[in-house]
Amino acid sequence: MEGWIPTKRLLKITEFADKFCGKVEPMHRYIYLYFDKVLRVSMTDGCAIADIYFSKEFFPFKNIYKISIQHLKGLLKGLKEEKTPFVRMLALDEGLKVELDDVTLNIESENDEKPEIILKNPELITNINLKKYIANLDFCSVQSLEGDLINIVSDNDYEFWGYFEGYNMITYSHFGRSKIKFSMEIPYVTVRHIIKSLSLLTEERIGLYLNENSIFIKGKGIKINICGAINPVISNIKPAINPLESKKINLKTLRDILNKTYTSLPANVRVFLILGKESYILAKDKNTTLTWKINLKFNHNYLAEINHRKLRSILSRLNDNVFIELNEKKIMIHDKSRYLEIKVKEFSN
């Protein structure tokens, strides 16, 4: 069967798939084209599966065609949709032919099974603004690394959180209220793929569901299922301290200093954040001690060891004006929905 696909749509599908499937596992860098009332594509990064509406302007066919994302990127590189508004596709028993100007892709049929989302009575968690969801998911996972698991939790108070505990620092994001209670862990790499790919969408809201042991996302023309591990429900996750002192601060100066430490210091050097009557960041790199003064004053003295590059990334995602609360054990920096908790190593009056 023959059809003409809008070039703009193919460009968007390819860009989404490139972000969603990632570059860690080449075996997952494919889209699967199939027909089910309309033309659709599915894809996976090995954990998450996406199923996306492609086009309704196509004749029915039975096969599933596995197409390399890299081949599509090469086919579309430098293409101007104004000059070439449509791409010709022929869905044949022996394979799929994609024709564009003087380039042709011939994809042989291999009877591949497509990545498929299986719904098992999904329960609604919440409907949420897409930009808010992306920003909060980004914040709670920003200090993580490949191999880490991000906690996604709705506690006994039905408060919906994401968090990750790293070395001396915990990042929390509050997504809002949830309709159900659950607790699960999602692989960091997949979380980053979700953030990058969903950032390409223009819709305002999505639905989040618990699909047995996975998170199911539903938007206009798109469905995503994210694998995870179910944990016991946590009684209460809200980050809080009994502060000895607190104030509202602007992060500009601290961000500027961390930009300088990023340039001056390697990633693995020990760096200390010292807050008190005099506040500064201190580091020793080989035979050199570096000190950057911070224009903040407190009644007590707090010392914390930090990963300066991760702290830089975290603070760049908070609002400019935030609250800081401190006691003998913790330093808490937060805006309305995102919280950074830093463990205090030494405290004195």
C-alpha atoms as a PDB file:
ATOM      1  CA  MET A   1       0.000   0.000   0.000  1.00  0.00           C
ATOM      2  CA  GLU A   2       1.191   3.492  -0.848  1.00  0.00           C
ATOM      3  CA  GLY A   3       0.883   6.634   1.217  1.00  0.00           C
ATOM      4  CA  TRP A   4       2.335  10.115   1.581  1.00  0.00           C
ATOM      5  CA  ILE A   5       3.507  11.143   5.047  1.00  0.00           C
ATOM      6  CA  PRO A   6       3.892  14.822   6.028  1.00  0.00           C
ATOM      7  CA  THR A   7       7.634  15.494   6.283  1.00  0.00           C
ATOM      8  CA  LYS A   8       7.071  17.665   9.357  1.00  0.00           C
ATOM      9  CA  ARG A   9       5.437  14.745  11.175  1.00  0.00           C
ATOM     10  CA  LEU A  10       8.230  12.322  10.256  1.00  0.00           C
ATOM     11  CA  LEU A  11      10.816  14.831  11.490  1.00  0.00           C
ATOM     12  CA  LYS A  12       9.021  15.145  14.838  1.00  0.00           C
ATOM     13  CA  ILE A  13       8.630  11.367  15.263  1.00  0.00           C
ATOM     14  CA  THR A  14      12.322  10.833  14.483  1.00  0.00           C
ATOM     15  CA  GLU A  15      13.442  13.541  16.914  1.00  0.00           C
ATOM     16  CA  PHE A  16      11.221  12.113  19.651  1.00  0.00           C
ATOM     17  CA  ALA A  17      12.487   8.566  19.059  1.00  0.00           C
ATOM     18  CA  ASP A  18      16.106   9.763  19.096  1.00  0.00           C
ATOM     19  CA  LYS A  19      15.593  11.265  22.587  1.00  0.00           C
ATOM     20  CA  PHE A  20      13.350   8.489  23.915  1.00  0.00           C
ATOM     21  CA  CYS A  21      15.472   5.492  22.902  1.00  0.00           C
ATOM     22  CA  GLY A  22      18.760   7.109  23.902  1.00  0.00           C
ATOM     23  CA  LYS A  23      22.214   6.175  22.704  1.00  0.00           C
ATOM     24  CA  VAL A  24      23.281   3.719  25.432  1.00  0.00           C
ATOM     25  CA  GLU A  25      21.910   0.582  23.720  1.00  0.00           C
ATOM     26  CA  PRO A  26      22.133   0.559  19.883  1.00  0.00           C
ATOM     27  CA  MET A  27      19.789  -2.466  19.816  1.00  0.00           C
ATOM     28  CA  HIS A  28      16.937  -0.193  20.959  1.00  0.00           C
ATOM     29  CA  ARG A  29      17.453   2.562  18.386  1.00  0.00           C
ATOM     30  CA  TYR A  30      14.532   1.552  16.179  1.00  0.00           C
ATOM     31  CA  ILE A  31      10.941   2.566  15.609  1.00  0.00           C
ATOM     32  CA  TYR A  32       8.272   0.015  14.723  1.00  0.00           C
ATOM     33  CA  LEU A  33       5.754   1.181  12.135  1.00  0.00           C
ATOM     34  CA  TYR A  34       2.359  -0.540  12.118  1.00  0.00           C
ATOM     35  CA  PHE A  35      -1.297   0.065  11.245  1.00  0.00           C
ATOM     36  CA  ASP A  36      -4.126  -0.132  13.777  1.00  0.00           C
ATOM     37  CA  LYS A  37      -7.029   1.954  12.449  1.00  0.00           C
ATOM     38  CA  VAL A  38      -4.417   4.681  11.890  1.00  0.00           C
ATOM     39  CA  LEU A  39      -0.686   4.651  11.216  1.00  0.00           C
ATOM     40  CA  ARG A  40       1.240   4.329  14.499  1.00  0.00           C
ATOM     41  CA  VAL A  41       4.796   3.805  15.734  1.00  0.00           C
ATOM     42  CA  SER A  42       6.119   2.171  18.887  1.00  0.00           C
ATOM     43  CA  MET A  43       9.610   2.228  20.400  1.00  0.00           C
ATOM     44  CA  THR A  44      11.491   1.273  23.565  1.00  0.00           C
ATOM     45  CA  ASP A  45      14.672   2.114  25.450  1.00  0.00           C
ATOM     46  CA  GLY A  46      14.637  -1.323  27.093  1.00  0.00           C
ATOM     47  CA  CYS A  47      12.489  -0.179  30.024  1.00  0.00           C
ATOM     48  CA  ALA A  48       9.973   2.399  28.810  1.00  0.00           C
ATOM     49  CA  ILE A  49       7.720   1.821  25.793  1.00  0.00           C
ATOM     50  CA  ALA A  50       6.127   4.625  23.776  1.00  0.00           C
ATOM     51  CA  ASP A  51       3.249   4.223  21.331  1.00  0.00           C
ATOM     52  CA  ILE A  52       2.491   7.276  19.183  1.00  0.00           C
ATOM     53  CA  TYR A  53      -0.108   8.261  16.629  1.00  0.00           C
ATOM     54  CA  PHE A  54       1.660   8.916  13.305  1.00  0.00           C
ATOM     55  CA  SER A  55      -0.901   9.660  10.570  1.00  0.00           C
ATOM     56  CA  LYS A  56      -4.442   8.823   9.529  1.00  0.00           C
ATOM     57  CA  GLU A  57      -3.679   9.369   5.827  1.00  0.00           C
ATOM     58  CA  PHE A  58      -2.525   5.843   5.005  1.00  0.00           C
ATOM     59  CA  PHE A  59      -3.980   2.622   3.651  1.00  0.00           C
ATOM     60  CA  PRO A  60      -4.216  -0.395   6.005  1.00  0.00           C
ATOM     61  CA  PHE A  61      -1.418  -3.002   6.026  1.00  0.00           C
ATOM     62  CA  LYS A  62      -0.655  -6.053   8.208  1.00  0.00           C
ATOM     63  CA  ASN A  63       3.134  -6.072   8.607  1.00  0.00           C
ATOM     64  CA  ILE A  64       5.293  -4.445  11.267  1.00  0.00           C
ATOM     65  CA  TYR A  65       8.300  -2.581   9.884  1.00  0.00           C
ATOM     66  CA  LYS A  66      11.414  -2.070  12.028  1.00  0.00           C
ATOM     67  CA  ILE A  67      13.186   1.151  10.983  1.00  0.00           C
ATOM     68  CA  SER A  68      16.579   2.335  12.201  1.00  0.00           C
ATOM     69  CA  ILE A  69      16.419   5.749  13.879  1.00  0.00           C
ATOM     70  CA  GLN A  70      19.940   6.466  12.623  1.00  0.00           C
ATOM     71  CA  HIS A  71      18.899   5.726   9.026  1.00  0.00           C
ATOM     72  CA  LEU A  72      15.921   8.055   9.371  1.00  0.00           C
ATOM     73  CA  LYS A  73      18.152  10.820  10.775  1.00  0.00           C
ATOM     74  CA  GLY A  74      20.450  10.406   7.773  1.00  0.00           C
ATOM     75  CA  LEU A  75      17.527  10.438   5.368  1.00  0.00           C
ATOM     76  CA  LEU A  76      16.113  13.625   6.866  1.00  0.00           C
ATOM     77  CA  LYS A  77      19.362  15.499   7.539  1.00  0.00           C
ATOM     78  CA  GLY A  78      19.294  18.987   6.058  1.00  0.00           C
ATOM     79  CA  LEU A  79      15.770  18.497   4.754  1.00  0.00           C
ATOM     80  CA  LYS A  80      13.602  21.600   4.316  1.00  0.00           C
ATOM     81  CA  GLU A  81       9.938  20.678   4.723  1.00  0.00           C
ATOM     82  CA  GLU A  82       8.932  23.749   2.680  1.00  0.00           C
ATOM     83  CA  LYS A  83      10.653  22.244  -0.375  1.00  0.00           C
ATOM     84  CA  THR A  84       9.682  18.631   0.342  1.00  0.00           C
ATOM     85  CA  PRO A  85       6.381  18.658   2.266  1.00  0.00           C
ATOM     86  CA  PHE A  86       5.716  14.906   1.903  1.00  0.00           C
ATOM     87  CA  VAL A  87       7.596  11.616   2.067  1.00  0.00           C
ATOM     88  CA  ARG A  88       6.443   8.654  -0.025  1.00  0.00           C
ATOM     89  CA  MET A  89       6.030   5.289   1.727  1.00  0.00           C
ATOM     90  CA  LEU A  90       5.182   1.942   0.155  1.00  0.00           C
ATOM     91  CA  ALA A  91       4.147  -0.821   2.574  1.00  0.00           C
ATOM     92  CA  LEU A  92       4.702  -4.117   0.759  1.00  0.00           C
ATOM     93  CA  ASP A  93       4.779  -7.769   1.833  1.00  0.00           C
ATOM     94  CA  GLU A  94       8.514  -7.936   1.180  1.00  0.00           C
ATOM     95  CA  GLY A  95       9.277  -4.716   3.052  1.00  0.00           C
ATOM     96  CA  LEU A  96       8.850  -0.989   3.423  1.00  0.00           C
ATOM     97  CA  LYS A  97      10.155   1.545   0.925  1.00  0.00           C
ATOM     98  CA  VAL A  98      10.681   5.152   1.997  1.00  0.00           C
ATOM     99  CA  GLU A  99      11.424   7.607  -0.805  1.00  0.00           C
ATOM    100  CA  LEU A 100      12.599  11.174  -0.412  1.00  0.00           C
ATOM    101  CA  ASP A 101      14.061  13.161  -3.323  1.00  0.00           C
ATOM    102  CA  ASP A 102      17.089  11.122  -4.433  1.00  0.00           C
ATOM    103  CA  VAL A 103      17.329   8.914  -1.316  1.00  0.00           C
ATOM    104  CA  THR A 104      15.497   5.616  -0.789  1.00  0.00           C
ATOM    105  CA  LEU A 105      15.309   3.327   2.244  1.00  0.00           C
ATOM    106  CA  ASN A 106      14.358  -0.296   1.528  1.00  0.00           C
ATOM    107  CA  ILE A 107      13.560  -2.077   4.795  1.00  0.00           C
ATOM    108  CA  GLU A 108      13.078  -5.821   4.510  1.00  0.00           C
ATOM    109  CA  SER A 109      10.197  -7.456   6.406  1.00  0.00           C
ATOM    110  CA  GLU A 110      11.479  -9.594   9.280  1.00  0.00           C
ATOM    111  CA  ASN A 111       8.214 -10.442  11.079  1.00  0.00           C
ATOM    112  CA  ASP A 112       9.370  -8.409  14.072  1.00  0.00           C
ATOM    113  CA  GLU A 113       7.206  -8.051  17.116  1.00  0.00           C
ATOM    114  CA  LYS A 114       6.753  -4.462  18.159  1.00  0.00           C
ATOM    115  CA  PRO A 115       7.239  -3.179  21.714  1.00  0.00           C
ATOM    116  CA  GLU A 116       3.731  -3.282  23.119  1.00  0.00           C
ATOM    117  CA  ILE A 117       2.052  -1.602  26.086  1.00  0.00           C
ATOM    118  CA  ILE A 118      -0.153  -3.994  28.062  1.00  0.00           C
ATOM    119  CA  LEU A 119      -2.681  -2.253  30.275  1.00  0.00           C
ATOM    120  CA  LYS A 120      -3.730  -4.041  33.471  1.00  0.00           C
ATOM    121  CA  ASN A 121      -6.576  -1.956  34.906  1.00  0.00           C
ATOM    122  CA  PRO A 122      -4.482   1.204  35.322  1.00  0.00           C
ATOM    123  CA  GLU A 123      -5.429   3.452  38.273  1.00  0.00           C
ATOM    124  CA  LEU A 124      -5.294   7.224  37.887  1.00  0.00           C
ATOM    125  CA  ILE A 125      -2.581   8.868  39.994  1.00  0.00           C
ATOM    126  CA  THR A 126      -3.155  12.423  38.831  1.00  0.00           C
ATOM    127  CA  ASN A 127      -3.615  14.747  35.877  1.00  0.00           C
ATOM    128  CA  ILE A 128      -0.716  17.179  35.782  1.00  0.00           C
ATOM    129  CA  ASN A 129       0.707  20.078  33.802  1.00  0.00           C
ATOM    130  CA  LEU A 130       3.330  18.627  31.454  1.00  0.00           C
ATOM    131  CA  LYS A 131       5.929  21.357  32.011  1.00  0.00           C
ATOM    132  CA  LYS A 132       5.593  21.031  35.788  1.00  0.00           C
ATOM    133  CA  TYR A 133       5.963  17.246  35.563  1.00  0.00           C
ATOM    134  CA  ILE A 134       9.117  17.528  33.428  1.00  0.00           C
ATOM    135  CA  ALA A 135      10.699  20.218  35.633  1.00  0.00           C
ATOM    136  CA  ASN A 136      10.060  18.304  38.862  1.00  0.00           C
ATOM    137  CA  LEU A 137      11.184  14.964  37.434  1.00  0.00           C
ATOM    138  CA  ASP A 138      14.324  16.691  36.172  1.00  0.00           C
ATOM    139  CA  PHE A 139      15.067  18.231  39.576  1.00  0.00           C
ATOM    140  CA  CYS A 140      14.693  15.118  41.704  1.00  0.00           C
ATOM    141  CA  SER A 141      16.893  13.051  39.340  1.00  0.00           C
ATOM    142  CA  VAL A 142      19.541  15.625  38.383  1.00  0.00           C
ATOM    143  CA  GLN A 143      22.256  14.385  40.761  1.00  0.00           C
ATOM    144  CA  SER A 144      21.807  10.722  39.798  1.00  0.00           C
ATOM    145  CA  LEU A 145      24.044   8.565  37.599  1.00  0.00           C
ATOM    146  CA  GLU A 146      23.624   5.563  35.313  1.00  0.00           C
ATOM    147  CA  GLY A 147      22.645   2.576  37.442  1.00  0.00           C
ATOM    148  CA  ASP A 148      20.776   4.671  40.026  1.00  0.00           C
ATOM    149  CA  LEU A 149      17.058   4.346  40.758  1.00  0.00           C
ATOM    150  CA  ILE A 150      14.732   7.336  41.220  1.00  0.00           C
ATOM    151  CA  ASN A 151      12.009   7.023  43.872  1.00  0.00           C
ATOM    152  CA  ILE A 152       8.476   7.921  42.772  1.00  0.00           C
ATOM    153  CA  VAL A 153       6.131   7.880  45.757  1.00  0.00           C
ATOM    154  CA  SER A 154       2.626   8.753  46.872  1.00  0.00           C
ATOM    155  CA  ASP A 155       2.694   8.498  50.670  1.00  0.00           C
ATOM    156  CA  ASN A 156      -0.016   7.754  53.233  1.00  0.00           C
ATOM    157  CA  ASP A 157      -1.131  11.383  53.024  1.00  0.00           C
ATOM    158  CA  TYR A 158      -1.609  11.010  49.227  1.00  0.00           C
ATOM    159  CA  GLU A 159       1.199  13.504  48.568  1.00  0.00           C
ATOM    160  CA  PHE A 160       2.989  12.721  45.291  1.00  0.00           C
ATOM    161  CA  TRP A 161       6.809  12.979  45.422  1.00  0.00           C
ATOM    162  CA  GLY A 162       9.946  12.101  43.517  1.00  0.00           C
ATOM    163  CA  TYR A 163      13.297  11.936  45.305  1.00  0.00           C
ATOM    164  CA  PHE A 164      16.859  10.664  45.151  1.00  0.00           C
ATOM    165  CA  GLU A 165      19.438  10.377  47.927  1.00  0.00           C
ATOM    166  CA  GLY A 166      23.027  10.927  46.823  1.00  0.00           C
ATOM    167  CA  TYR A 167      26.233  11.540  48.747  1.00  0.00           C
ATOM    168  CA  ASN A 168      25.353  14.090  51.474  1.00  0.00           C
ATOM    169  CA  MET A 169      22.462  15.508  49.415  1.00  0.00           C
ATOM    170  CA  ILE A 170      18.820  14.549  48.816  1.00  0.00           C
ATOM    171  CA  THR A 171      16.686  16.151  46.096  1.00  0.00           C
ATOM    172  CA  TYR A 172      12.881  16.098  46.449  1.00  0.00           C
ATOM    173  CA  SER A 173      10.171  17.212  44.026  1.00  0.00           C
ATOM    174  CA  HIS A 174       6.526  17.612  44.990  1.00  0.00           C
ATOM    175  CA  PHE A 175       4.217  16.844  42.065  1.00  0.00           C
ATOM    176  CA  GLY A 176       0.998  17.554  43.973  1.00  0.00           C
ATOM    177  CA  ARG A 177      -1.797  15.371  45.316  1.00  0.00           C
ATOM    178  CA  SER A 178      -2.353  11.773  44.246  1.00  0.00           C
ATOM    179  CA  LYS A 179      -5.557   9.741  44.095  1.00  0.00           C
ATOM    180  CA  ILE A 180      -3.813   6.523  45.201  1.00  0.00           C
ATOM    181  CA  LYS A 181      -0.894   5.419  47.401  1.00  0.00           C
ATOM    182  CA  PHE A 182       2.135   3.681  45.893  1.00  0.00           C
ATOM    183  CA  SER A 183       5.932   3.562  45.994  1.00  0.00           C
ATOM    184  CA  MET A 184       8.268   2.521  43.201  1.00  0.00           C
ATOM    185  CA  GLU A 185      11.734   2.984  41.717  1.00  0.00           C
ATOM    186  CA  ILE A 186      12.499   3.875  38.083  1.00  0.00           C
ATOM    187  CA  PRO A 187      15.923   3.589  36.377  1.00  0.00           C
ATOM    188  CA  TYR A 188      17.752   6.912  36.082  1.00  0.00           C
ATOM    189  CA  VAL A 189      18.597   6.438  32.384  1.00  0.00           C
ATOM    190  CA  THR A 190      14.933   5.954  31.493  1.00  0.00           C
ATOM    191  CA  VAL A 191      13.932   8.977  33.591  1.00  0.00           C
ATOM    192  CA  ARG A 192      16.346  11.151  31.587  1.00  0.00           C
ATOM    193  CA  HIS A 193      14.978   9.716  28.296  1.00  0.00           C
ATOM    194  CA  ILE A 194      11.426  10.576  29.432  1.00  0.00           C
ATOM    195  CA  ILE A 195      12.433  14.145  30.336  1.00  0.00           C
ATOM    196  CA  LYS A 196      14.209  14.794  27.017  1.00  0.00           C
ATOM    197  CA  SER A 197      11.480  13.286  24.814  1.00  0.00           C
ATOM    198  CA  LEU A 198       8.467  14.760  26.641  1.00  0.00           C
ATOM    199  CA  SER A 199      10.124  18.185  26.446  1.00  0.00           C
ATOM    200  CA  LEU A 200       9.445  18.078  22.696  1.00  0.00           C
ATOM    201  CA  LEU A 201       5.664  17.871  23.168  1.00  0.00           C
ATOM    202  CA  THR A 202       3.444  20.947  23.059  1.00  0.00           C
ATOM    203  CA  GLU A 203       0.391  19.733  24.962  1.00  0.00           C
ATOM    204  CA  GLU A 204      -0.428  21.221  28.354  1.00  0.00           C
ATOM    205  CA  ARG A 205      -1.537  18.252  30.473  1.00  0.00           C
ATOM    206  CA  ILE A 206      -0.950  14.516  30.768  1.00  0.00           C
ATOM    207  CA  GLY A 207      -2.508  11.739  32.830  1.00  0.00           C
ATOM    208  CA  LEU A 208      -0.353   9.577  35.103  1.00  0.00           C
ATOM    209  CA  TYR A 209      -1.528   6.093  36.049  1.00  0.00           C
ATOM    210  CA  LEU A 210      -0.275   3.142  38.075  1.00  0.00           C
ATOM    211  CA  ASN A 211      -0.334   0.184  35.669  1.00  0.00           C
ATOM    212  CA  GLU A 212       0.308  -2.733  38.038  1.00  0.00           C
ATOM    213  CA  ASN A 213       4.114  -2.415  38.542  1.00  0.00           C
ATOM    214  CA  SER A 214       4.726   0.412  36.088  1.00  0.00           C
ATOM    215  CA  ILE A 215       3.852   4.072  35.468  1.00  0.00           C
ATOM    216  CA  PHE A 216       1.574   4.728  32.497  1.00  0.00           C
ATOM    217  CA  ILE A 217       1.512   8.189  30.885  1.00  0.00           C
ATOM    218  CA  LYS A 218      -1.335   9.196  28.594  1.00  0.00           C
ATOM    219  CA  GLY A 219      -1.353  12.305  26.432  1.00  0.00           C
ATOM    220  CA  LYS A 220      -2.931  13.406  23.182  1.00  0.00           C
ATOM    221  CA  GLY A 221      -1.885  10.823  20.594  1.00  0.00           C
ATOM    222  CA  ILE A 222       0.793   9.296  22.843  1.00  0.00           C
ATOM    223  CA  LYS A 223       1.003   6.502  25.422  1.00  0.00           C
ATOM    224  CA  ILE A 224       4.106   5.655  27.478  1.00  0.00           C
ATOM    225  CA  ASN A 225       4.635   2.806  29.921  1.00  0.00           C
ATOM    226  CA  ILE A 226       7.645   2.990  32.288  1.00  0.00           C
ATOM    227  CA  CYS A 227       9.015  -0.099  34.026  1.00  0.00           C
ATOM    228  CA  GLY A 228       9.742   0.006  37.740  1.00  0.00           C
ATOM    229  CA  ALA A 229      10.079  -1.902  40.991  1.00  0.00           C
ATOM    230  CA  ILE A 230       7.271  -1.679  43.539  1.00  0.00           C
ATOM    231  CA  ASN A 231       8.221  -0.898  47.160  1.00  0.00           C
ATOM    232  CA  PRO A 232       6.203  -0.709  50.408  1.00  0.00           C
ATOM    233  CA  VAL A 233       4.282   2.569  50.718  1.00  0.00           C
ATOM    234  CA  ILE A 234       6.113   5.201  52.755  1.00  0.00           C
ATOM    235  CA  SER A 235       4.161   6.752  55.637  1.00  0.00           C
ATOM    236  CA  ASN A 236       5.240  10.343  55.043  1.00  0.00           C
ATOM    237  CA  ILE A 237       7.883  11.702  52.692  1.00  0.00           C
ATOM    238  CA  LYS A 238       7.624  15.468  53.177  1.00  0.00           C
ATOM    239  CA  PRO A 239      11.098  16.945  53.772  1.00  0.00           C
ATOM    240  CA  ALA A 240      11.082  19.065  56.926  1.00  0.00           C
ATOM    241  CA  ILE A 241      13.383  20.200  59.723  1.00  0.00           C
ATOM    242  CA  ASN A 242      13.028  22.073  62.996  1.00  0.00           C
ATOM    243  CA  PRO A 243      15.178  25.038  62.010  1.00  0.00           C
ATOM    244  CA  LEU A 244      17.448  26.917  64.369  1.00  0.00           C
ATOM    245  CA  GLU A 245      17.309  29.737  61.843  1.00  0.00           C
ATOM    246  CA  SER A 246      15.821  30.433  58.432  1.00  0.00           C
ATOM    247  CA  LYS A 247      15.676  33.206  55.863  1.00  0.00           C
ATOM    248  CA  LYS A 248      14.826  33.998  52.268  1.00  0.00           C
ATOM    249  CA  ILE A 249      17.860  34.302  49.985  1.00  0.00           C
ATOM    250  CA  ASN A 250      18.693  34.968  46.337  1.00  0.00           C
ATOM    251  CA  LEU A 251      20.802  32.255  44.707  1.00  0.00           C
ATOM    252  CA  LYS A 252      22.630  34.428  42.161  1.00  0.00           C
ATOM    253  CA  THR A 253      25.856  34.863  44.165  1.00  0.00           C
ATOM    254  CA  LEU A 254      26.056  31.196  45.123  1.00  0.00           C
ATOM    255  CA  ARG A 255      25.425  30.130  41.515  1.00  0.00           C
ATOM    256  CA  ASP A 256      28.163  32.497  40.295  1.00  0.00           C
ATOM    257  CA  ILE A 257      30.623  30.962  42.772  1.00  0.00           C
ATOM    258  CA  LEU A 258      29.725  27.423  41.712  1.00  0.00           C
ATOM    259  CA  ASN A 259      30.283  28.416  38.072  1.00  0.00           C
ATOM    260  CA  LYS A 260      33.799  29.435  39.120  1.00  0.00           C
ATOM    261  CA  THR A 261      34.420  26.203  41.038  1.00  0.00           C
ATOM    262  CA  TYR A 262      33.264  24.288  37.947  1.00  0.00           C
ATOM    263  CA  THR A 263      36.036  25.970  35.934  1.00  0.00           C
ATOM    264  CA  SER A 264      38.668  25.914  38.676  1.00  0.00           C
ATOM    265  CA  LEU A 265      38.290  22.431  40.171  1.00  0.00           C
ATOM    266  CA  PRO A 266      38.146  18.832  38.970  1.00  0.00           C
ATOM    267  CA  ALA A 267      34.955  16.881  39.651  1.00  0.00           C
ATOM    268  CA  ASN A 268      36.378  14.647  42.391  1.00  0.00           C
ATOM    269  CA  VAL A 269      38.045  17.232  44.678  1.00  0.00           C
ATOM    270  CA  ARG A 270      36.642  17.643  48.212  1.00  0.00           C
ATOM    271  CA  VAL A 271      34.694  20.879  48.573  1.00  0.00           C
ATOM    272  CA  PHE A 272      33.151  22.329  51.736  1.00  0.00           C
ATOM    273  CA  LEU A 273      30.195  24.663  52.128  1.00  0.00           C
ATOM    274  CA  ILE A 274      30.613  26.718  55.316  1.00  0.00           C
ATOM    275  CA  LEU A 275      27.731  28.867  56.519  1.00  0.00           C
ATOM    276  CA  GLY A 276      27.939  31.085  59.607  1.00  0.00           C
ATOM    277  CA  LYS A 277      28.975  34.544  60.744  1.00  0.00           C
ATOM    278  CA  GLU A 278      31.282  34.283  57.741  1.00  0.00           C
ATOM    279  CA  SER A 279      30.183  32.064  54.860  1.00  0.00           C
ATOM    280  CA  TYR A 280      32.293  30.638  52.060  1.00  0.00           C
ATOM    281  CA  ILE A 281      33.083  27.676  49.851  1.00  0.00           C
ATOM    282  CA  LEU A 282      36.469  26.114  50.487  1.00  0.00           C
ATOM    283  CA  ALA A 283      38.437  23.564  48.479  1.00  0.00           C
ATOM    284  CA  LYS A 284      41.961  22.178  48.423  1.00  0.00           C
ATOM    285  CA  ASP A 285      43.323  20.967  45.090  1.00  0.00           C
ATOM    286  CA  LYS A 286      46.836  19.501  45.373  1.00  0.00           C
ATOM    287  CA  ASN A 287      48.991  22.277  46.881  1.00  0.00           C
ATOM    288  CA  THR A 288      46.401  25.056  46.492  1.00  0.00           C
ATOM    289  CA  THR A 289      43.590  26.117  48.836  1.00  0.00           C
ATOM    290  CA  LEU A 290      40.778  28.074  47.190  1.00  0.00           C
ATOM    291  CA  THR A 291      38.177  30.117  49.076  1.00  0.00           C
ATOM    292  CA  TRP A 292      35.148  31.911  47.696  1.00  0.00           C
ATOM    293  CA  LYS A 293      33.295  34.228  50.080  1.00  0.00           C
ATOM    294  CA  ILE A 294      29.490  34.042  50.174  1.00  0.00           C
ATOM    295  CA  ASN A 295      27.515  37.120  51.162  1.00  0.00           C
ATOM    296  CA  LEU A 296      25.362  35.289  53.731  1.00  0.00           C
ATOM    297  CA  LYS A 297      25.417  35.508  57.535  1.00  0.00           C
ATOM    298  CA  PHE A 298      23.970  33.117  60.138  1.00  0.00           C
ATOM    299  CA  ASN A 299      23.954  32.955  63.939  1.00  0.00           C
ATOM    300  CA  HIS A 300      25.487  29.469  64.101  1.00  0.00           C
ATOM    301  CA  ASN A 301      28.190  27.720  62.100  1.00  0.00           C
ATOM    302  CA  TYR A 302      27.448  24.849  59.711  1.00  0.00           C
ATOM    303  CA  LEU A 303      29.925  22.826  57.656  1.00  0.00           C
ATOM    304  CA  ALA A 304      28.870  20.440  54.885  1.00  0.00           C
ATOM    305  CA  GLU A 305      30.884  18.480  52.356  1.00  0.00           C
ATOM    306  CA  ILE A 306      29.437  18.846  48.858  1.00  0.00           C
ATOM    307  CA  ASN A 307      29.879  17.667  45.299  1.00  0.00           C
ATOM    308  CA  HIS A 308      30.290  21.129  43.800  1.00  0.00           C
ATOM    309  CA  ARG A 309      29.272  20.134  40.272  1.00  0.00           C
ATOM    310  CA  LYS A 310      26.111  18.405  41.396  1.00  0.00           C
ATOM    311  CA  LEU A 311      25.217  21.310  43.673  1.00  0.00           C
ATOM    312  CA  ARG A 312      25.690  23.645  40.709  1.00  0.00           C
ATOM    313  CA  SER A 313      23.263  21.580  38.626  1.00  0.00           C
ATOM    314  CA  ILE A 314      20.716  21.397  41.439  1.00  0.00           C
ATOM    315  CA  LEU A 315      20.703  25.124  42.235  1.00  0.00           C
ATOM    316  CA  SER A 316      20.367  26.024  38.553  1.00  0.00           C
ATOM    317  CA  ARG A 317      16.965  24.310  38.605  1.00  0.00           C
ATOM    318  CA  LEU A 318      15.560  26.165  41.614  1.00  0.00           C
ATOM    319  CA  ASN A 319      13.836  29.548  41.528  1.00  0.00           C
ATOM    320  CA  ASP A 320      16.096  32.581  42.020  1.00  0.00           C
ATOM    321  CA  ASN A 321      14.567  33.401  45.398  1.00  0.00           C
ATOM    322  CA  VAL A 322      14.391  30.475  47.821  1.00  0.00           C
ATOM    323  CA  PHE A 323      14.118  29.683  51.509  1.00  0.00           C
ATOM    324  CA  ILE A 324      17.045  28.311  53.489  1.00  0.00           C
ATOM    325  CA  GLU A 325      16.478  26.539  56.820  1.00  0.00           C
ATOM    326  CA  LEU A 326      19.279  25.178  59.026  1.00  0.00           C
ATOM    327  CA  ASN A 327      19.785  23.071  62.133  1.00  0.00           C
ATOM    328  CA  GLU A 328      22.494  20.836  63.631  1.00  0.00           C
ATOM    329  CA  LYS A 329      21.876  18.029  61.110  1.00  0.00           C
ATOM    330  CA  LYS A 330      20.556  19.564  57.883  1.00  0.00           C
ATOM    331  CA  ILE A 331      20.608  22.528  55.534  1.00  0.00           C
ATOM    332  CA  MET A 332      17.357  22.785  53.570  1.00  0.00           C
ATOM    333  CA  ILE A 333      17.067  24.987  50.468  1.00  0.00           C
ATOM    334  CA  HIS A 334      13.707  25.033  48.730  1.00  0.00           C
ATOM    335  CA  ASP A 335      11.155  26.860  46.631  1.00  0.00           C
ATOM    336  CA  LYS A 336       7.470  25.972  46.500  1.00  0.00           C
ATOM    337  CA  SER A 337       7.797  22.430  45.130  1.00  0.00           C
ATOM    338  CA  ARG A 338      11.511  21.490  45.021  1.00  0.00           C
ATOM    339  CA  TYR A 339      13.684  20.779  48.031  1.00  0.00           C
ATOM    340  CA  LEU A 340      17.421  20.232  48.491  1.00  0.00           C
ATOM    341  CA  GLU A 341      18.580  18.677  51.749  1.00  0.00           C
ATOM    342  CA  ILE A 342      22.313  18.807  52.590  1.00  0.00           C
ATOM    343  CA  LYS A 343      23.717  16.876  55.541  1.00  0.00           C
ATOM    344  CA  VAL A 344      25.656  18.957  58.080  1.00  0.00           C
ATOM    345  CA  LYS A 345      29.039  17.425  58.891  1.00  0.00           C
ATOM    346  CA  GLU A 346      30.032  19.800  61.706  1.00  0.00           C
ATOM    347  CA  PHE A 347      27.994  22.256  63.774  1.00  0.00           C
ATOM    348  CA  SER A 348      29.016  24.848  66.361  1.00  0.00           C
ATOM    349  CA  ASN A 349      27.570  27.880  68.087  1.00  0.00           C
END
